[in-house]
C-alpha atoms as a PDB file:
ATOM      1  CA  UNK A   1      60.000  86.926 154.636  1.00  0.00           C
ATOM      2  CA  UNK A   2      57.812  84.213 153.068  1.00  0.00           C
ATOM      3  CA  UNK A   3      57.613  84.420 149.440  1.00  0.00           C
ATOM      4  CA  UNK A   4      55.399  82.502 146.737  1.00  0.00           C
ATOM      5  CA  UNK A   5      56.753  80.657 143.868  1.00  0.00           C
ATOM      6  CA  UNK A   6      54.287  82.962 141.607  1.00  0.00           C
ATOM      7  CA  UNK A   7      56.110  86.347 143.161  1.00  0.00           C
ATOM      8  CA  UNK A   8      59.553  84.652 142.683  1.00  0.00           C
ATOM      9  CA  UNK A   9      59.146  83.751 138.981  1.00  0.00           C
ATOM     10  CA  UNK A  10      57.641  87.333 138.338  1.00  0.00           C
ATOM     11  CA  UNK A  11      60.932  88.465 140.044  1.00  0.00           C
ATOM     12  CA  UNK A  12      63.350  86.293 138.049  1.00  0.00           C
ATOM     13  CA  UNK A  13      61.531  87.258 134.788  1.00  0.00           C
ATOM     14  CA  UNK A  14      61.627  90.828 135.598  1.00  0.00           C
ATOM     15  CA  UNK A  15      65.608  90.641 136.278  1.00  0.00           C
ATOM     16  CA  UNK A  16      66.189  88.518 133.293  1.00  0.00           C
ATOM     17  CA  UNK A  17      64.470  91.228 131.223  1.00  0.00           C
ATOM     18  CA  UNK A  18      61.495  89.224 130.280  1.00  0.00           C
ATOM     19  CA  UNK A  19      58.754  91.505 131.732  1.00  0.00           C
ATOM     20  CA  UNK A  20      56.857  93.732 132.148  1.00  0.00           C
ATOM     21  CA  UNK A  21      54.743  91.896 129.770  1.00  0.00           C
ATOM     22  CA  UNK A  22      52.119  94.162 127.622  1.00  0.00           C
ATOM     23  CA  UNK A  23      48.692  93.797 128.979  1.00  0.00           C
ATOM     24  CA  UNK A  24      46.995  95.226 126.020  1.00  0.00           C
ATOM     25  CA  UNK A  25      47.102  92.268 123.881  1.00  0.00           C
ATOM     26  CA  UNK A  26      46.831  88.527 124.221  1.00  0.00           C
ATOM     27  CA  UNK A  27      48.653  86.157 121.921  1.00  0.00           C
ATOM     28  CA  UNK A  28      48.552  82.237 122.646  1.00  0.00           C
ATOM     29  CA  UNK A  29      51.272  79.920 121.090  1.00  0.00           C
ATOM     30  CA  UNK A  30      51.108  76.044 121.385  1.00  0.00           C
ATOM     31  CA  UNK A  31      54.640  75.622 120.175  1.00  0.00           C
ATOM     32  CA  UNK A  32      56.440  77.973 122.116  1.00  0.00           C
ATOM     33  CA  UNK A  33      58.971  77.608 125.127  1.00  0.00           C
ATOM     34  CA  UNK A  34      57.159  77.379 128.457  1.00  0.00           C
ATOM     35  CA  UNK A  35      59.265  80.265 130.144  1.00  0.00           C
ATOM     36  CA  UNK A  36      57.201  79.878 133.397  1.00  0.00           C
ATOM     37  CA  UNK A  37      58.048  76.402 133.914  1.00  0.00           C
ATOM     38  CA  UNK A  38      61.499  76.857 133.036  1.00  0.00           C
ATOM     39  CA  UNK A  39      61.811  80.135 135.363  1.00  0.00           C
ATOM     40  CA  UNK A  40      60.010  77.744 137.853  1.00  0.00           C
ATOM     41  CA  UNK A  41      62.804  74.870 137.705  1.00  0.00           C
ATOM     42  CA  UNK A  42      65.646  77.715 137.780  1.00  0.00           C
ATOM     43  CA  UNK A  43      63.987  79.307 141.165  1.00  0.00           C
ATOM     44  CA  UNK A  44      63.751  75.766 143.046  1.00  0.00           C
ATOM     45  CA  UNK A  45      67.016  74.720 141.881  1.00  0.00           C
ATOM     46  CA  UNK A  46      68.526  78.170 143.199  1.00  0.00           C
ATOM     47  CA  UNK A  47      66.208  78.235 146.290  1.00  0.00           C
ATOM     48  CA  UNK A  48      67.864  74.640 147.640  1.00  0.00           C
ATOM     49  CA  UNK A  49      71.469  75.541 146.694  1.00  0.00           C
ATOM     50  CA  UNK A  50      71.045  78.832 148.927  1.00  0.00           C
ATOM     51  CA  UNK A  51      69.769  76.499 151.536  1.00  0.00           C
ATOM     52  CA  UNK A  52      72.504  74.109 151.700  1.00  0.00           C
ATOM     53  CA  UNK A  53      75.520  76.479 150.679  1.00  0.00           C
ATOM     54  CA  UNK A  54      74.487  79.999 151.498  1.00  0.00           C
ATOM     55  CA  UNK A  55      74.805  82.392 153.836  1.00  0.00           C
ATOM     56  CA  UNK A  56      72.558  82.565 156.871  1.00  0.00           C
ATOM     57  CA  UNK A  57      72.290  86.483 156.232  1.00  0.00           C
ATOM     58  CA  UNK A  58      70.209  85.607 153.001  1.00  0.00           C
ATOM     59  CA  UNK A  59      67.729  83.123 154.854  1.00  0.00           C
ATOM     60  CA  UNK A  60      65.119  83.862 157.277  1.00  0.00           C
ATOM     61  CA  UNK A  61      64.855  81.252 160.068  1.00  0.00           C
ATOM     62  CA  UNK A  62      61.816  80.236 161.665  1.00  0.00           C
ATOM     63  CA  UNK A  63      60.762  79.037 165.098  1.00  0.00           C
ATOM     64  CA  UNK A  64      60.414  75.635 165.501  1.00  0.00           C
ATOM     65  CA  UNK A  65      60.144  74.665 168.800  1.00  0.00           C
ATOM     66  CA  UNK A  66      56.476  73.887 168.376  1.00  0.00           C
ATOM     67  CA  UNK A  67      57.367  71.316 165.787  1.00  0.00           C
ATOM     68  CA  UNK A  68      60.287  69.191 167.545  1.00  0.00           C
ATOM     69  CA  UNK A  69      60.022  66.516 170.243  1.00  0.00           C
ATOM     70  CA  UNK A  70      62.370  66.226 172.918  1.00  0.00           C
ATOM     71  CA  UNK A  71      63.479  63.357 174.931  1.00  0.00           C
ATOM     72  CA  UNK A  72      63.958  63.254 178.672  1.00  0.00           C
ATOM     73  CA  UNK A  73      67.908  63.693 179.566  1.00  0.00           C
ATOM     74  CA  UNK A  74      69.771  60.647 179.786  1.00  0.00           C
ATOM     75  CA  UNK A  75      73.152  61.058 181.907  1.00  0.00           C
ATOM     76  CA  UNK A  76      72.813  64.971 181.243  1.00  0.00           C
ATOM     77  CA  UNK A  77      71.858  64.486 177.169  1.00  0.00           C
ATOM     78  CA  UNK A  78      68.946  65.170 175.630  1.00  0.00           C
ATOM     79  CA  UNK A  79      67.724  64.468 172.079  1.00  0.00           C
ATOM     80  CA  UNK A  80      65.634  66.437 169.801  1.00  0.00           C
ATOM     81  CA  UNK A  81      63.738  65.133 166.975  1.00  0.00           C
ATOM     82  CA  UNK A  82      63.167  67.595 164.098  1.00  0.00           C
ATOM     83  CA  UNK A  83      60.629  68.008 161.554  1.00  0.00           C
ATOM     84  CA  UNK A  84      61.467  67.258 157.940  1.00  0.00           C
ATOM     85  CA  UNK A  85      63.575  69.701 155.516  1.00  0.00           C
ATOM     86  CA  UNK A  86      65.902  71.222 158.539  1.00  0.00           C
ATOM     87  CA  UNK A  87      69.162  72.338 156.723  1.00  0.00           C
ATOM     88  CA  UNK A  88      70.186  74.574 159.676  1.00  0.00           C
ATOM     89  CA  UNK A  89      69.784  74.750 163.344  1.00  0.00           C
ATOM     90  CA  UNK A  90      70.638  78.716 164.259  1.00  0.00           C
ATOM     91  CA  UNK A  91      69.579  78.870 167.710  1.00  0.00           C
ATOM     92  CA  UNK A  92      68.616  76.894 170.583  1.00  0.00           C
ATOM     93  CA  UNK A  93      67.622  78.242 174.141  1.00  0.00           C
ATOM     94  CA  UNK A  94      66.654  76.418 177.407  1.00  0.00           C
ATOM     95  CA  UNK A  95      65.234  78.664 180.291  1.00  0.00           C
ATOM     96  CA  UNK A  96      67.817  76.840 182.659  1.00  0.00           C
ATOM     97  CA  UNK A  97      70.960  77.870 180.401  1.00  0.00           C
ATOM     98  CA  UNK A  98      72.820  81.154 180.438  1.00  0.00           C
ATOM     99  CA  UNK A  99      73.146  81.680 177.040  1.00  0.00           C
ATOM    100  CA  UNK A 100      71.668  79.825 173.691  1.00  0.00           C
ATOM    101  CA  UNK A 101      73.627  76.416 172.960  1.00  0.00           C
ATOM    102  CA  UNK A 102      76.755  76.396 170.631  1.00  0.00           C
ATOM    103  CA  UNK A 103      75.840  74.475 167.536  1.00  0.00           C
ATOM    104  CA  UNK A 104      78.398  72.056 166.165  1.00  0.00           C
ATOM    105  CA  UNK A 105      78.669  69.204 163.946  1.00  0.00           C
ATOM    106  CA  UNK A 106      79.338  64.980 165.350  1.00  0.00           C
ATOM    107  CA  UNK A 107      82.623  65.358 163.498  1.00  0.00           C
ATOM    108  CA  UNK A 108      84.050  68.648 164.714  1.00  0.00           C
ATOM    109  CA  UNK A 109      86.598  68.966 167.382  1.00  0.00           C
ATOM    110  CA  UNK A 110      83.604  70.406 169.823  1.00  0.00           C
ATOM    111  CA  UNK A 111      81.521  67.598 168.492  1.00  0.00           C
ATOM    112  CA  UNK A 112      84.225  64.949 169.685  1.00  0.00           C
ATOM    113  CA  UNK A 113      84.435  66.596 173.250  1.00  0.00           C
ATOM    114  CA  UNK A 114      80.455  65.698 173.922  1.00  0.00           C
ATOM    115  CA  UNK A 115      81.379  62.423 174.230  1.00  0.00           C
ATOM    116  CA  UNK A 116      83.185  62.553 177.069  1.00  0.00           C
ATOM    117  CA  UNK A 117      81.183  63.615 180.472  1.00  0.00           C
ATOM    118  CA  UNK A 118      84.558  65.459 181.709  1.00  0.00           C
ATOM    119  CA  UNK A 119      84.329  67.721 178.489  1.00  0.00           C
ATOM    120  CA  UNK A 120      80.753  68.168 177.468  1.00  0.00           C
ATOM    121  CA  UNK A 121      78.582  71.206 177.715  1.00  0.00           C
ATOM    122  CA  UNK A 122      76.768  72.312 180.684  1.00  0.00           C
ATOM    123  CA  UNK A 123      74.267  75.115 181.560  1.00  0.00           C
ATOM    124  CA  UNK A 124      76.923  77.710 181.195  1.00  0.00           C
ATOM    125  CA  UNK A 125      78.045  76.576 177.887  1.00  0.00           C
ATOM    126  CA  UNK A 126      75.663  74.437 176.370  1.00  0.00           C
ATOM    127  CA  UNK A 127      76.510  72.332 173.312  1.00  0.00           C
ATOM    128  CA  UNK A 128      73.983  71.078 170.485  1.00  0.00           C
ATOM    129  CA  UNK A 129      75.414  68.516 168.203  1.00  0.00           C
ATOM    130  CA  UNK A 130      73.291  68.229 164.902  1.00  0.00           C
ATOM    131  CA  UNK A 131      73.196  65.183 163.258  1.00  0.00           C
ATOM    132  CA  UNK A 132      71.777  64.696 160.028  1.00  0.00           C
ATOM    133  CA  UNK A 133      69.580  67.009 159.501  1.00  0.00           C
ATOM    134  CA  UNK A 134      66.863  65.191 162.168  1.00  0.00           C
ATOM    135  CA  UNK A 135      68.203  65.436 165.433  1.00  0.00           C
ATOM    136  CA  UNK A 136      70.153  67.459 167.636  1.00  0.00           C
ATOM    137  CA  UNK A 137      71.599  66.113 171.024  1.00  0.00           C
ATOM    138  CA  UNK A 138      72.031  68.772 173.736  1.00  0.00           C
ATOM    139  CA  UNK A 139      74.747  68.194 176.199  1.00  0.00           C
ATOM    140  CA  UNK A 140      73.881  70.424 179.077  1.00  0.00           C
ATOM    141  CA  UNK A 141      71.347  68.734 181.469  1.00  0.00           C
ATOM    142  CA  UNK A 142      71.935  68.424 184.986  1.00  0.00           C
ATOM    143  CA  UNK A 143      70.505  65.130 186.766  1.00  0.00           C
ATOM    144  CA  UNK A 144      66.848  65.122 187.360  1.00  0.00           C
ATOM    145  CA  UNK A 145      66.237  68.356 184.909  1.00  0.00           C
ATOM    146  CA  UNK A 146      63.772  68.560 182.407  1.00  0.00           C
ATOM    147  CA  UNK A 147      64.475  70.350 179.020  1.00  0.00           C
ATOM    148  CA  UNK A 148      62.410  74.124 178.880  1.00  0.00           C
ATOM    149  CA  UNK A 149      62.977  74.808 175.661  1.00  0.00           C
ATOM    150  CA  UNK A 150      62.229  78.946 174.900  1.00  0.00           C
ATOM    151  CA  UNK A 151      63.421  78.743 171.245  1.00  0.00           C
ATOM    152  CA  UNK A 152      64.730  76.888 168.428  1.00  0.00           C
ATOM    153  CA  UNK A 153      65.287  78.470 165.366  1.00  0.00           C
ATOM    154  CA  UNK A 154      66.285  76.560 162.067  1.00  0.00           C
ATOM    155  CA  UNK A 155      66.358  77.242 158.632  1.00  0.00           C
ATOM    156  CA  UNK A 156      64.306  74.347 156.687  1.00  0.00           C
ATOM    157  CA  UNK A 157      62.453  73.961 153.165  1.00  0.00           C
ATOM    158  CA  UNK A 158      58.872  73.282 153.296  1.00  0.00           C
ATOM    159  CA  UNK A 159      57.918  72.549 149.709  1.00  0.00           C
ATOM    160  CA  UNK A 160      55.858  75.755 148.572  1.00  0.00           C
ATOM    161  CA  UNK A 161      57.484  77.977 150.729  1.00  0.00           C
ATOM    162  CA  UNK A 162      60.213  80.244 150.126  1.00  0.00           C
ATOM    163  CA  UNK A 163      61.743  81.909 153.250  1.00  0.00           C
ATOM    164  CA  UNK A 164      64.264  84.258 152.558  1.00  0.00           C
ATOM    165  CA  UNK A 165      65.652  87.603 154.039  1.00  0.00           C
ATOM    166  CA  UNK A 166      64.912  90.734 150.987  1.00  0.00           C
ATOM    167  CA  UNK A 167      68.543  90.386 150.514  1.00  0.00           C
ATOM    168  CA  UNK A 168      68.507  87.087 148.911  1.00  0.00           C
ATOM    169  CA  UNK A 169      66.894  88.816 145.830  1.00  0.00           C
ATOM    170  CA  UNK A 170      69.702  90.705 145.367  1.00  0.00           C
ATOM    171  CA  UNK A 171      71.783  87.424 144.222  1.00  0.00           C
ATOM    172  CA  UNK A 172      69.166  86.985 141.374  1.00  0.00           C
ATOM    173  CA  UNK A 173      71.251  88.358 138.413  1.00  0.00           C
ATOM    174  CA  UNK A 174      70.868  88.422 134.681  1.00  0.00           C
ATOM    175  CA  UNK A 175      74.169  86.314 134.672  1.00  0.00           C
ATOM    176  CA  UNK A 176      72.676  83.642 136.749  1.00  0.00           C
ATOM    177  CA  UNK A 177      69.746  83.420 134.512  1.00  0.00           C
ATOM    178  CA  UNK A 178      71.925  82.849 131.286  1.00  0.00           C
ATOM    179  CA  UNK A 179      74.289  80.127 132.916  1.00  0.00           C
END
């Protein structure tokens, strides 16, 4: 679900006990602490930390298939160039595959196995190696085939957008606000 910054600020203030504010009075102070600016910083720090370290059940992956570019396969390996802000690749599916690609890192055992033509993935067991949040190498194409991606789901950060599962709101606790 896509949330606005103003909604998240209000949610944080409510959970910290700063709201509801009285609507029948107006007070203007020029020497007061700007609570909205403070909470905005908390929201942004919390969101980036959630993107980096959080469980995927708290995040809302989006379909970025139309935002990527795909190179023609070279020796069975195609390269996806990702848009900015990608933190996690959740799923990659091609119409030629029997199942979605298994997403691994270059340093993992499965990532290192892709370096050899004898141990790399194929259409029955495709593998995507996620490099530095910018590219994914797909080890799965037969010679002469062209990638036909059906779906690429990712978790990414676009400034001003907050894509979260409603379950993530339960992570906003008063103890977190006071830390």
